[in-house]
Amino acid sequence: MGKAAKNERIKLMATFLNNIAVGLVVAGALVPYLSFISATAANQPLRFWITTQTAADFKRFAAIFLVMIFAFIGAGVLHYMASKILNNIED
């Protein structure tokens, strides 16, 4: 396999990992965030922030927050892996 072909495979693998990282951010952070701000389980917008907080609202907020944190950590790890893979490109 020539140098150009090997470099192209390296770039494709890095692109693949970056695309999965983007998917993690969208599915694991953006969607729960939009779900949280759009309505609560009782279909009342931003009930958690406007009215007194209940234990169920706090648990829901905590769960969404943890999912978002894990999504950002996972995306960061995948992006770091993609950066390391790109270091293998030969001139």
PDB file of N, CA and C in Angstrom:
ATOM      1  N   MET A   1       0.853  -1.159   0.000  1.00  0.00           N
ATOM      2  CA  MET A   1       0.000   0.000   0.000  1.00  0.00           C
ATOM      3  C   MET A   1       0.908   1.233   0.000  1.00  0.00           C
ATOM      4  N   GLY A   2       0.575   2.179  -0.871  1.00  0.00           N
ATOM      5  CA  GLY A   2       1.377   3.383  -0.997  1.00  0.00           C
ATOM      6  C   GLY A   2       1.150   4.346   0.157  1.00  0.00           C
ATOM      7  N   LYS A   3       2.013   5.346   0.206  1.00  0.00           N
ATOM      8  CA  LYS A   3       1.945   6.324   1.279  1.00  0.00           C
ATOM      9  C   LYS A   3       0.648   7.130   1.220  1.00  0.00           C
ATOM     10  N   ALA A   4       0.217   7.469   0.014  1.00  0.00           N
ATOM     11  CA  ALA A   4      -1.016   8.257  -0.146  1.00  0.00           C
ATOM     12  C   ALA A   4      -2.234   7.467   0.330  1.00  0.00           C
ATOM     13  N   ALA A   5      -2.258   6.183  -0.005  1.00  0.00           N
ATOM     14  CA  ALA A   5      -3.386   5.349   0.406  1.00  0.00           C
ATOM     15  C   ALA A   5      -3.406   5.181   1.928  1.00  0.00           C
ATOM     16  N   LYS A   6      -2.241   5.003   2.513  1.00  0.00           N
ATOM     17  CA  LYS A   6      -2.174   4.855   3.972  1.00  0.00           C
ATOM     18  C   LYS A   6      -2.614   6.142   4.664  1.00  0.00           C
ATOM     19  N   ASN A   7      -2.174   7.280   4.151  1.00  0.00           N
ATOM     20  CA  ASN A   7      -2.587   8.562   4.724  1.00  0.00           C
ATOM     21  C   ASN A   7      -4.093   8.759   4.596  1.00  0.00           C
ATOM     22  N   GLU A   8      -4.657   8.333   3.485  1.00  0.00           N
ATOM     23  CA  GLU A   8      -6.096   8.478   3.282  1.00  0.00           C
ATOM     24  C   GLU A   8      -6.883   7.604   4.268  1.00  0.00           C
ATOM     25  N   ARG A   9      -6.388   6.407   4.523  1.00  0.00           N
ATOM     26  CA  ARG A   9      -7.047   5.533   5.513  1.00  0.00           C
ATOM     27  C   ARG A   9      -6.968   6.143   6.904  1.00  0.00           C
ATOM     28  N   ILE A  10      -5.859   6.766   7.228  1.00  0.00           N
ATOM     29  CA  ILE A  10      -5.699   7.425   8.534  1.00  0.00           C
ATOM     30  C   ILE A  10      -6.686   8.578   8.653  1.00  0.00           C
ATOM     31  N   LYS A  11      -6.813   9.381   7.584  1.00  0.00           N
ATOM     32  CA  LYS A  11      -7.753  10.499   7.616  1.00  0.00           C
ATOM     33  C   LYS A  11      -9.200  10.016   7.729  1.00  0.00           C
ATOM     34  N   LEU A  12      -9.519   8.932   7.048  1.00  0.00           N
ATOM     35  CA  LEU A  12     -10.881   8.391   7.131  1.00  0.00           C
ATOM     36  C   LEU A  12     -11.195   7.895   8.543  1.00  0.00           C
ATOM     37  N   MET A  13     -10.234   7.263   9.199  1.00  0.00           N
ATOM     38  CA  MET A  13     -10.456   6.785  10.563  1.00  0.00           C
ATOM     39  C   MET A  13     -10.638   7.961  11.515  1.00  0.00           C
ATOM     40  N   ALA A  14      -9.848   9.006  11.355  1.00  0.00           N
ATOM     41  CA  ALA A  14      -9.990  10.190  12.201  1.00  0.00           C
ATOM     42  C   ALA A  14     -11.336  10.869  11.962  1.00  0.00           C
ATOM     43  N   THR A  15     -11.759  10.940  10.723  1.00  0.00           N
ATOM     44  CA  THR A  15     -13.062  11.524  10.400  1.00  0.00           C
ATOM     45  C   THR A  15     -14.190  10.703  11.005  1.00  0.00           C
ATOM     46  N   PHE A  16     -14.068   9.390  10.950  1.00  0.00           N
ATOM     47  CA  PHE A  16     -15.064   8.503  11.536  1.00  0.00           C
ATOM     48  C   PHE A  16     -15.195   8.755  13.040  1.00  0.00           C
ATOM     49  N   LEU A  17     -14.074   8.840  13.736  1.00  0.00           N
ATOM     50  CA  LEU A  17     -14.115   9.071  15.176  1.00  0.00           C
ATOM     51  C   LEU A  17     -14.689  10.449  15.508  1.00  0.00           C
ATOM     52  N   ASN A  18     -14.342  11.455  14.716  1.00  0.00           N
ATOM     53  CA  ASN A  18     -14.892  12.787  14.942  1.00  0.00           C
ATOM     54  C   ASN A  18     -16.396  12.824  14.695  1.00  0.00           C
ATOM     55  N   ASN A  19     -16.865  12.092  13.695  1.00  0.00           N
ATOM     56  CA  ASN A  19     -18.302  12.040  13.429  1.00  0.00           C
ATOM     57  C   ASN A  19     -19.053  11.359  14.564  1.00  0.00           C
ATOM     58  N   ILE A  20     -18.476  10.341  15.148  1.00  0.00           N
ATOM     59  CA  ILE A  20     -19.111   9.710  16.312  1.00  0.00           C
ATOM     60  C   ILE A  20     -19.124  10.683  17.486  1.00  0.00           C
ATOM     61  N   ALA A  21     -18.074  11.462  17.643  1.00  0.00           N
ATOM     62  CA  ALA A  21     -18.033  12.469  18.705  1.00  0.00           C
ATOM     63  C   ALA A  21     -19.138  13.507  18.517  1.00  0.00           C
ATOM     64  N   VAL A  22     -19.366  13.931  17.292  1.00  0.00           N
ATOM     65  CA  VAL A  22     -20.445  14.874  17.015  1.00  0.00           C
ATOM     66  C   VAL A  22     -21.794  14.243  17.333  1.00  0.00           C
ATOM     67  N   GLY A  23     -21.965  12.988  16.973  1.00  0.00           N
ATOM     68  CA  GLY A  23     -23.199  12.278  17.295  1.00  0.00           C
ATOM     69  C   GLY A  23     -23.431  12.180  18.793  1.00  0.00           C
ATOM     70  N   LEU A  24     -22.367  11.966  19.540  1.00  0.00           N
ATOM     71  CA  LEU A  24     -22.490  11.926  21.000  1.00  0.00           C
ATOM     72  C   LEU A  24     -22.936  13.265  21.563  1.00  0.00           C
ATOM     73  N   VAL A  25     -22.387  14.328  21.049  1.00  0.00           N
ATOM     74  CA  VAL A  25     -22.773  15.651  21.535  1.00  0.00           C
ATOM     75  C   VAL A  25     -24.236  15.923  21.202  1.00  0.00           C
ATOM     76  N   VAL A  26     -24.656  15.585  19.988  1.00  0.00           N
ATOM     77  CA  VAL A  26     -26.043  15.846  19.593  1.00  0.00           C
ATOM     78  C   VAL A  26     -27.006  14.961  20.372  1.00  0.00           C
ATOM     79  N   ALA A  27     -26.737  13.656  20.386  1.00  0.00           N
ATOM     80  CA  ALA A  27     -27.666  12.728  21.037  1.00  0.00           C
ATOM     81  C   ALA A  27     -27.572  12.759  22.550  1.00  0.00           C
ATOM     82  N   GLY A  28     -26.391  12.977  23.074  1.00  0.00           N
ATOM     83  CA  GLY A  28     -26.213  12.896  24.510  1.00  0.00           C
ATOM     84  C   GLY A  28     -26.241  14.209  25.244  1.00  0.00           C
ATOM     85  N   ALA A  29     -26.175  15.311  24.535  1.00  0.00           N
ATOM     86  CA  ALA A  29     -26.169  16.604  25.212  1.00  0.00           C
ATOM     87  C   ALA A  29     -27.249  17.539  24.680  1.00  0.00           C
ATOM     88  N   LEU A  30     -27.298  17.723  23.388  1.00  0.00           N
ATOM     89  CA  LEU A  30     -28.243  18.684  22.822  1.00  0.00           C
ATOM     90  C   LEU A  30     -29.689  18.227  22.967  1.00  0.00           C
ATOM     91  N   VAL A  31     -29.962  16.973  22.656  1.00  0.00           N
ATOM     92  CA  VAL A  31     -31.340  16.472  22.746  1.00  0.00           C
ATOM     93  C   VAL A  31     -31.870  16.490  24.188  1.00  0.00           C
ATOM     94  N   PRO A  32     -31.121  16.001  25.191  1.00  0.00           N
ATOM     95  CA  PRO A  32     -31.634  16.118  26.560  1.00  0.00           C
ATOM     96  C   PRO A  32     -31.805  17.567  27.009  1.00  0.00           C
ATOM     97  N   TYR A  33     -30.895  18.435  26.596  1.00  0.00           N
ATOM     98  CA  TYR A  33     -31.015  19.846  26.958  1.00  0.00           C
ATOM     99  C   TYR A  33     -32.292  20.448  26.381  1.00  0.00           C
ATOM    100  N   LEU A  34     -32.543  20.214  25.112  1.00  0.00           N
ATOM    101  CA  LEU A  34     -33.755  20.735  24.490  1.00  0.00           C
ATOM    102  C   LEU A  34     -35.000  20.118  25.105  1.00  0.00           C
ATOM    103  N   SER A  35     -34.922  18.851  25.456  1.00  0.00           N
ATOM    104  CA  SER A  35     -36.040  18.194  26.126  1.00  0.00           C
ATOM    105  C   SER A  35     -36.319  18.842  27.473  1.00  0.00           C
ATOM    106  N   PHE A  36     -35.270  19.171  28.190  1.00  0.00           N
ATOM    107  CA  PHE A  36     -35.446  19.761  29.510  1.00  0.00           C
ATOM    108  C   PHE A  36     -36.046  21.153  29.430  1.00  0.00           C
ATOM    109  N   ILE A  37     -35.559  21.968  28.508  1.00  0.00           N
ATOM    110  CA  ILE A  37     -36.063  23.333  28.459  1.00  0.00           C
ATOM    111  C   ILE A  37     -37.428  23.433  27.788  1.00  0.00           C
ATOM    112  N   SER A  38     -37.808  22.428  27.016  1.00  0.00           N
ATOM    113  CA  SER A  38     -39.098  22.523  26.335  1.00  0.00           C
ATOM    114  C   SER A  38     -40.258  22.271  27.283  1.00  0.00           C
ATOM    115  N   ALA A  39     -40.160  21.261  28.132  1.00  0.00           N
ATOM    116  CA  ALA A  39     -41.261  20.964  29.050  1.00  0.00           C
ATOM    117  C   ALA A  39     -40.827  19.925  30.068  1.00  0.00           C
ATOM    118  N   THR A  40     -41.512  19.901  31.184  1.00  0.00           N
ATOM    119  CA  THR A  40     -41.271  18.866  32.183  1.00  0.00           C
ATOM    120  C   THR A  40     -42.252  17.730  31.939  1.00  0.00           C
ATOM    121  N   ALA A  41     -42.261  16.766  32.812  1.00  0.00           N
ATOM    122  CA  ALA A  41     -43.162  15.628  32.648  1.00  0.00           C
ATOM    123  C   ALA A  41     -44.625  16.064  32.659  1.00  0.00           C
ATOM    124  N   ALA A  42     -44.940  17.136  33.360  1.00  0.00           N
ATOM    125  CA  ALA A  42     -46.314  17.646  33.420  1.00  0.00           C
ATOM    126  C   ALA A  42     -46.606  18.607  32.267  1.00  0.00           C
ATOM    127  N   ASN A  43     -45.679  18.713  31.319  1.00  0.00           N
ATOM    128  CA  ASN A  43     -45.828  19.574  30.148  1.00  0.00           C
ATOM    129  C   ASN A  43     -45.967  21.047  30.537  1.00  0.00           C
ATOM    130  N   GLN A  44     -45.207  21.462  31.523  1.00  0.00           N
ATOM    131  CA  GLN A  44     -45.184  22.858  31.933  1.00  0.00           C
ATOM    132  C   GLN A  44     -43.787  23.402  31.672  1.00  0.00           C
ATOM    133  N   PRO A  45     -43.654  24.407  30.826  1.00  0.00           N
ATOM    134  CA  PRO A  45     -42.324  24.898  30.449  1.00  0.00           C
ATOM    135  C   PRO A  45     -41.513  25.391  31.646  1.00  0.00           C
ATOM    136  N   LEU A  46     -40.312  24.916  31.719  1.00  0.00           N
ATOM    137  CA  LEU A  46     -39.337  25.357  32.717  1.00  0.00           C
ATOM    138  C   LEU A  46     -39.865  25.360  34.146  1.00  0.00           C
ATOM    139  N   ARG A  47     -40.686  24.396  34.445  1.00  0.00           N
ATOM    140  CA  ARG A  47     -41.272  24.293  35.779  1.00  0.00           C
ATOM    141  C   ARG A  47     -40.195  24.180  36.852  1.00  0.00           C
ATOM    142  N   PHE A  48     -39.106  23.519  36.515  1.00  0.00           N
ATOM    143  CA  PHE A  48     -38.032  23.318  37.496  1.00  0.00           C
ATOM    144  C   PHE A  48     -37.472  24.648  37.988  1.00  0.00           C
ATOM    145  N   TRP A  49     -37.361  25.627  37.117  1.00  0.00           N
ATOM    146  CA  TRP A  49     -36.746  26.889  37.490  1.00  0.00           C
ATOM    147  C   TRP A  49     -37.740  27.907  38.025  1.00  0.00           C
ATOM    148  N   ILE A  50     -38.989  27.835  37.589  1.00  0.00           N
ATOM    149  CA  ILE A  50     -39.959  28.871  37.933  1.00  0.00           C
ATOM    150  C   ILE A  50     -40.643  28.599  39.269  1.00  0.00           C
ATOM    151  N   THR A  51     -41.093  27.389  39.491  1.00  0.00           N
ATOM    152  CA  THR A  51     -41.822  27.073  40.708  1.00  0.00           C
ATOM    153  C   THR A  51     -40.902  26.406  41.716  1.00  0.00           C
ATOM    154  N   THR A  52     -41.456  26.033  42.823  1.00  0.00           N
ATOM    155  CA  THR A  52     -40.649  25.328  43.821  1.00  0.00           C
ATOM    156  C   THR A  52     -40.229  23.979  43.261  1.00  0.00           C
ATOM    157  N   GLN A  53     -39.025  23.598  43.572  1.00  0.00           N
ATOM    158  CA  GLN A  53     -38.487  22.355  43.038  1.00  0.00           C
ATOM    159  C   GLN A  53     -39.008  21.164  43.835  1.00  0.00           C
ATOM    160  N   THR A  54     -39.398  20.128  43.127  1.00  0.00           N
ATOM    161  CA  THR A  54     -39.775  18.883  43.777  1.00  0.00           C
ATOM    162  C   THR A  54     -38.617  17.902  43.619  1.00  0.00           C
ATOM    163  N   ALA A  55     -38.685  16.835  44.362  1.00  0.00           N
ATOM    164  CA  ALA A  55     -37.621  15.830  44.283  1.00  0.00           C
ATOM    165  C   ALA A  55     -37.575  15.193  42.898  1.00  0.00           C
ATOM    166  N   ALA A  56     -38.737  14.973  42.286  1.00  0.00           N
ATOM    167  CA  ALA A  56     -38.770  14.368  40.953  1.00  0.00           C
ATOM    168  C   ALA A  56     -38.125  15.290  39.918  1.00  0.00           C
ATOM    169  N   ASP A  57     -38.386  16.601  40.032  1.00  0.00           N
ATOM    170  CA  ASP A  57     -37.772  17.543  39.105  1.00  0.00           C
ATOM    171  C   ASP A  57     -36.258  17.568  39.277  1.00  0.00           C
ATOM    172  N   PHE A  58     -35.816  17.541  40.524  1.00  0.00           N
ATOM    173  CA  PHE A  58     -34.382  17.559  40.759  1.00  0.00           C
ATOM    174  C   PHE A  58     -33.717  16.291  40.227  1.00  0.00           C
ATOM    175  N   LYS A  59     -34.345  15.141  40.416  1.00  0.00           N
ATOM    176  CA  LYS A  59     -33.788  13.881  39.905  1.00  0.00           C
ATOM    177  C   LYS A  59     -33.713  13.907  38.385  1.00  0.00           C
ATOM    178  N   ARG A  60     -34.744  14.454  37.756  1.00  0.00           N
ATOM    179  CA  ARG A  60     -34.752  14.545  36.297  1.00  0.00           C
ATOM    180  C   ARG A  60     -33.627  15.467  35.825  1.00  0.00           C
ATOM    181  N   PHE A  61     -33.482  16.599  36.475  1.00  0.00           N
ATOM    182  CA  PHE A  61     -32.412  17.529  36.124  1.00  0.00           C
ATOM    183  C   PHE A  61     -31.044  16.882  36.321  1.00  0.00           C
ATOM    184  N   ALA A  62     -30.856  16.185  37.438  1.00  0.00           N
ATOM    185  CA  ALA A  62     -29.572  15.537  37.719  1.00  0.00           C
ATOM    186  C   ALA A  62     -29.261  14.462  36.681  1.00  0.00           C
ATOM    187  N   ALA A  63     -30.269  13.687  36.295  1.00  0.00           N
ATOM    188  CA  ALA A  63     -30.051  12.642  35.297  1.00  0.00           C
ATOM    189  C   ALA A  63     -29.661  13.247  33.949  1.00  0.00           C
ATOM    190  N   ILE A  64     -30.356  14.298  33.548  1.00  0.00           N
ATOM    191  CA  ILE A  64     -30.036  14.952  32.279  1.00  0.00           C
ATOM    192  C   ILE A  64     -28.638  15.562  32.348  1.00  0.00           C
ATOM    193  N   PHE A  65     -28.297  16.167  33.455  1.00  0.00           N
ATOM    194  CA  PHE A  65     -26.978  16.766  33.614  1.00  0.00           C
ATOM    195  C   PHE A  65     -25.882  15.702  33.520  1.00  0.00           C
ATOM    196  N   LEU A  66     -26.076  14.558  34.157  1.00  0.00           N
ATOM    197  CA  LEU A  66     -25.072  13.485  34.094  1.00  0.00           C
ATOM    198  C   LEU A  66     -24.930  12.944  32.682  1.00  0.00           C
ATOM    199  N   VAL A  67     -26.042  12.780  31.982  1.00  0.00           N
ATOM    200  CA  VAL A  67     -25.970  12.310  30.596  1.00  0.00           C
ATOM    201  C   VAL A  67     -25.178  13.291  29.748  1.00  0.00           C
ATOM    202  N   MET A  68     -25.416  14.574  29.956  1.00  0.00           N
ATOM    203  CA  MET A  68     -24.691  15.582  29.195  1.00  0.00           C
ATOM    204  C   MET A  68     -23.192  15.555  29.508  1.00  0.00           C
ATOM    205  N   ILE A  69     -22.846  15.399  30.767  1.00  0.00           N
ATOM    206  CA  ILE A  69     -21.433  15.329  31.154  1.00  0.00           C
ATOM    207  C   ILE A  69     -20.758  14.126  30.506  1.00  0.00           C
ATOM    208  N   PHE A  70     -21.403  12.957  30.574  1.00  0.00           N
ATOM    209  CA  PHE A  70     -20.825  11.759  29.962  1.00  0.00           C
ATOM    210  C   PHE A  70     -20.700  11.905  28.451  1.00  0.00           C
ATOM    211  N   ALA A  71     -21.658  12.567  27.829  1.00  0.00           N
ATOM    212  CA  ALA A  71     -21.590  12.779  26.382  1.00  0.00           C
ATOM    213  C   ALA A  71     -20.402  13.661  26.021  1.00  0.00           C
ATOM    214  N   PHE A  72     -20.194  14.737  26.771  1.00  0.00           N
ATOM    215  CA  PHE A  72     -19.063  15.612  26.484  1.00  0.00           C
ATOM    216  C   PHE A  72     -17.732  14.920  26.762  1.00  0.00           C
ATOM    217  N   ILE A  73     -17.672  14.120  27.810  1.00  0.00           N
ATOM    218  CA  ILE A  73     -16.432  13.376  28.098  1.00  0.00           C
ATOM    219  C   ILE A  73     -16.150  12.381  26.981  1.00  0.00           C
ATOM    220  N   GLY A  74     -17.167  11.639  26.566  1.00  0.00           N
ATOM    221  CA  GLY A  74     -17.003  10.677  25.477  1.00  0.00           C
ATOM    222  C   GLY A  74     -16.586  11.351  24.180  1.00  0.00           C
ATOM    223  N   ALA A  75     -17.201  12.478  23.876  1.00  0.00           N
ATOM    224  CA  ALA A  75     -16.836  13.211  22.659  1.00  0.00           C
ATOM    225  C   ALA A  75     -15.401  13.714  22.745  1.00  0.00           C
ATOM    226  N   GLY A  76     -14.999  14.164  23.916  1.00  0.00           N
ATOM    227  CA  GLY A  76     -13.625  14.622  24.088  1.00  0.00           C
ATOM    228  C   GLY A  76     -12.616  13.503  23.906  1.00  0.00           C
ATOM    229  N   VAL A  77     -12.929  12.335  24.436  1.00  0.00           N
ATOM    230  CA  VAL A  77     -12.039  11.186  24.294  1.00  0.00           C
ATOM    231  C   VAL A  77     -11.929  10.785  22.823  1.00  0.00           C
ATOM    232  N   LEU A  78     -13.054  10.735  22.122  1.00  0.00           N
ATOM    233  CA  LEU A  78     -13.014  10.363  20.707  1.00  0.00           C
ATOM    234  C   LEU A  78     -12.249  11.397  19.875  1.00  0.00           C
ATOM    235  N   HIS A  79     -12.430  12.663  20.184  1.00  0.00           N
ATOM    236  CA  HIS A  79     -11.691  13.690  19.457  1.00  0.00           C
ATOM    237  C   HIS A  79     -10.190  13.588  19.738  1.00  0.00           C
ATOM    238  N   TYR A  80      -9.836  13.298  20.979  1.00  0.00           N
ATOM    239  CA  TYR A  80      -8.425  13.110  21.325  1.00  0.00           C
ATOM    240  C   TYR A  80      -7.835  11.923  20.559  1.00  0.00           C
ATOM    241  N   MET A  81      -8.605  10.827  20.479  1.00  0.00           N
ATOM    242  CA  MET A  81      -8.138   9.661  19.726  1.00  0.00           C
ATOM    243  C   MET A  81      -7.939  10.004  18.252  1.00  0.00           C
ATOM    244  N   ALA A  82      -8.864  10.781  17.686  1.00  0.00           N
ATOM    245  CA  ALA A  82      -8.743  11.182  16.287  1.00  0.00           C
ATOM    246  C   ALA A  82      -7.495  12.045  16.080  1.00  0.00           C
ATOM    247  N   SER A  83      -7.221  12.923  17.017  1.00  0.00           N
ATOM    248  CA  SER A  83      -6.018  13.756  16.913  1.00  0.00           C
ATOM    249  C   SER A  83      -4.754  12.917  16.967  1.00  0.00           C
ATOM    250  N   LYS A  84      -4.746  11.921  17.839  1.00  0.00           N
ATOM    251  CA  LYS A  84      -3.576  11.034  17.935  1.00  0.00           C
ATOM    252  C   LYS A  84      -3.398  10.224  16.654  1.00  0.00           C
ATOM    253  N   ILE A  85      -4.495   9.776  16.067  1.00  0.00           N
ATOM    254  CA  ILE A  85      -4.415   9.017  14.827  1.00  0.00           C
ATOM    255  C   ILE A  85      -3.853   9.884  13.703  1.00  0.00           C
ATOM    256  N   LEU A  86      -4.252  11.151  13.664  1.00  0.00           N
ATOM    257  CA  LEU A  86      -3.755  12.056  12.616  1.00  0.00           C
ATOM    258  C   LEU A  86      -2.254  12.311  12.722  1.00  0.00           C
ATOM    259  N   ASN A  87      -1.683  12.089  13.894  1.00  0.00           N
ATOM    260  CA  ASN A  87      -0.231  12.267  14.035  1.00  0.00           C
ATOM    261  C   ASN A  87       0.555  11.208  13.258  1.00  0.00           C
ATOM    262  N   ASN A  88      -0.130  10.135  12.848  1.00  0.00           N
ATOM    263  CA  ASN A  88       0.533   9.057  12.124  1.00  0.00           C
ATOM    264  C   ASN A  88       0.638   9.314  10.617  1.00  0.00           C
ATOM    265  N   ILE A  89       0.153  10.455  10.153  1.00  0.00           N
ATOM    266  CA  ILE A  89       0.228  10.759   8.719  1.00  0.00           C
ATOM    267  C   ILE A  89       1.689  10.980   8.341  1.00  0.00           C
ATOM    268  N   GLU A  90       2.098  10.339   7.255  1.00  0.00           N
ATOM    269  CA  GLU A  90       3.479  10.460   6.769  1.00  0.00           C
ATOM    270  C   GLU A  90       3.552  11.537   5.712  1.00  0.00           C
ATOM    271  N   ASP A  91       4.647  12.253   5.700  1.00  0.00           N
ATOM    272  CA  ASP A  91       4.853  13.290   4.680  1.00  0.00           C
ATOM    273  C   ASP A  91       5.339  12.698   3.390  1.00  0.00           C
TER     274      ASP A  91
END
